[in-house]
Protein backbone atom coordinates (compact mmCIF):
# COMPACT_ATOMS: atom_id res chain seq x y z
CA UNK A 1 18.92 -2.29 -11.55
CA UNK A 2 15.42 -2.39 -12.94
CA UNK A 3 12.84 0.27 -13.62
CA UNK A 4 12.01 2.62 -10.73
CA UNK A 5 8.57 2.05 -9.14
CA UNK A 6 7.52 5.49 -10.38
CA UNK A 7 7.41 4.05 -13.85
CA UNK A 8 5.08 1.20 -12.79
CA UNK A 9 1.50 1.51 -14.12
CA UNK A 10 0.22 0.14 -10.83
CA UNK A 11 1.99 2.84 -8.77
CA UNK A 12 0.86 5.59 -11.18
CA UNK A 13 -2.67 4.37 -10.85
CA UNK A 14 -2.41 4.35 -7.05
CA UNK A 15 -1.06 7.93 -7.13
CA UNK A 16 -4.20 9.03 -9.05
CA UNK A 17 -6.28 7.19 -6.43
CA UNK A 18 -4.45 8.97 -3.58
CA UNK A 19 -4.87 12.39 -5.22
CA UNK A 20 -8.65 11.78 -5.77
CA UNK A 21 -9.04 10.76 -2.10
CA UNK A 22 -7.13 13.79 -0.87
CA UNK A 23 -9.21 16.02 -3.14
CA UNK A 24 -12.45 14.63 -1.67
CA UNK A 25 -11.13 14.94 1.88
CA UNK A 26 -10.47 18.67 1.48
CA UNK A 27 -14.17 19.31 0.93
CA UNK A 28 -16.96 19.93 3.41
CA UNK A 29 -18.34 18.07 5.25
CA UNK A 30 -15.77 15.20 4.94
CA UNK A 31 -12.88 17.54 6.00
CA UNK A 32 -14.48 17.76 9.42
CA UNK A 33 -15.06 14.02 9.89
CA UNK A 34 -11.52 13.35 11.18
CA UNK A 35 -11.87 9.67 11.79
CA UNK A 36 -13.30 8.78 8.42
CA UNK A 37 -10.98 11.13 6.58
CA UNK A 38 -7.94 9.75 8.41
CA UNK A 39 -8.88 6.16 7.70
CA UNK A 40 -9.64 6.87 4.01
CA UNK A 41 -6.39 8.74 3.47
CA UNK A 42 -4.36 5.99 5.22
CA UNK A 43 -5.87 3.31 3.18
CA UNK A 44 -5.27 5.14 -0.07
CA UNK A 45 -1.66 5.98 0.82
CA UNK A 46 -1.17 2.26 1.80
CA UNK A 47 -1.97 1.30 -1.76
CA UNK A 48 0.74 3.57 -3.26
CA UNK A 49 3.33 2.91 -0.55
CA UNK A 50 3.00 -0.83 -0.53
CA UNK A 51 3.39 -0.99 -4.27
CA UNK A 52 6.66 1.01 -3.89
CA UNK A 53 7.72 -1.19 -0.94
CA UNK A 54 7.08 -4.40 -2.89
CA UNK A 55 8.80 -3.08 -5.99
CA UNK A 56 11.88 -2.24 -4.02
CA UNK A 57 12.10 -5.48 -2.13
CA UNK A 58 14.64 -8.03 -3.27
CA UNK A 59 12.68 -11.05 -1.93
CA UNK A 60 9.71 -12.50 -3.80
CA UNK A 61 7.86 -13.40 -0.59
CA UNK A 62 8.23 -9.75 0.65
CA UNK A 63 7.11 -8.43 -2.74
CA UNK A 64 4.03 -10.65 -2.63
CA UNK A 65 3.13 -9.59 0.85
CA UNK A 66 3.45 -5.87 0.12
CA UNK A 67 1.41 -6.25 -3.11
CA UNK A 68 -1.26 -8.16 -1.24
CA UNK A 69 -1.49 -5.42 1.36
CA UNK A 70 -1.83 -2.84 -1.41
CA UNK A 71 -4.57 -4.85 -3.01
CA UNK A 72 -6.43 -5.22 0.27
CA UNK A 73 -6.09 -1.46 0.79
CA UNK A 74 -7.78 -0.92 -2.53
CA UNK A 75 -10.70 -2.98 -1.25
CA UNK A 76 -10.73 -0.90 1.86
CA UNK A 77 -11.01 2.40 -0.03
CA UNK A 78 -13.76 0.87 -2.24
CA UNK A 79 -15.70 -0.29 0.83
CA UNK A 80 -15.37 3.07 2.47
CA UNK A 81 -16.90 4.67 -0.67
CA UNK A 82 -20.28 3.29 0.54
CA UNK A 83 -20.44 5.19 3.88
CA UNK A 84 -19.15 8.24 2.00
CA UNK A 85 -22.05 7.97 -0.41
CA UNK A 86 -24.64 6.94 2.25
CA UNK A 87 -23.78 9.94 4.40
CA UNK A 88 -23.75 12.29 1.44
CA UNK A 89 -20.02 13.12 1.59
CA UNK A 90 -19.72 12.26 -2.11
CA UNK A 91 -22.17 12.01 -5.00
CA UNK A 92 -23.03 8.76 -6.83
CA UNK A 93 -20.79 9.93 -9.72
CA UNK A 94 -17.91 10.53 -7.33
CA UNK A 95 -18.40 7.14 -5.74
CA UNK A 96 -18.44 5.42 -9.15
CA UNK A 97 -15.21 7.24 -10.10
CA UNK A 98 -13.58 6.27 -6.75
CA UNK A 99 -14.57 2.60 -7.25
CA UNK A 100 -13.27 2.58 -10.82
CA UNK A 101 -9.88 3.94 -9.58
CA UNK A 102 -9.77 1.21 -6.86
CA UNK A 103 -10.74 -1.50 -9.32
CA UNK A 104 -8.09 -0.38 -11.87
CA UNK A 105 -5.35 -0.19 -9.17
CA UNK A 106 -6.41 -3.64 -7.89
CA UNK A 107 -6.20 -5.13 -11.31
CA UNK A 108 -2.75 -3.65 -11.94
CA UNK A 109 -1.60 -4.90 -8.46
CA UNK A 110 -2.95 -8.36 -9.32
CA UNK A 111 -0.82 -8.19 -12.43
CA UNK A 112 2.25 -7.51 -10.30
CA UNK A 113 1.35 -10.52 -8.06
CA UNK A 114 0.90 -12.73 -11.19
CA UNK A 115 4.26 -11.71 -12.47
CA UNK A 116 5.83 -13.05 -9.30
CA UNK A 117 4.38 -16.45 -10.00
CA UNK A 118 6.42 -16.52 -13.23
CA UNK A 119 9.71 -16.29 -11.29
């Protein structure tokens, strides 16, 4: 059996992203915007969980599909950073940080996808 997904840099990066999103969602006024908060948290959790799901899959096609979902969810969180900023839920610095976390996770997930092409 290979390495556990918890040792994957992509999963670790996604975990940092999730923790950042949850930290932001605990604050006013975002904590009261249930729709936006729920969607943001779901998208972030999707990144982390789909990396784990892909990692644990035995079939390359299933791995690729899960990793692609994780990558798209990174894009969703990054896109949501704009209404967060525009509606003053987060500062410019916080948006930049959130975007950097999304981009890093996305690059690491892309690496997982590329590694499947070598099989």
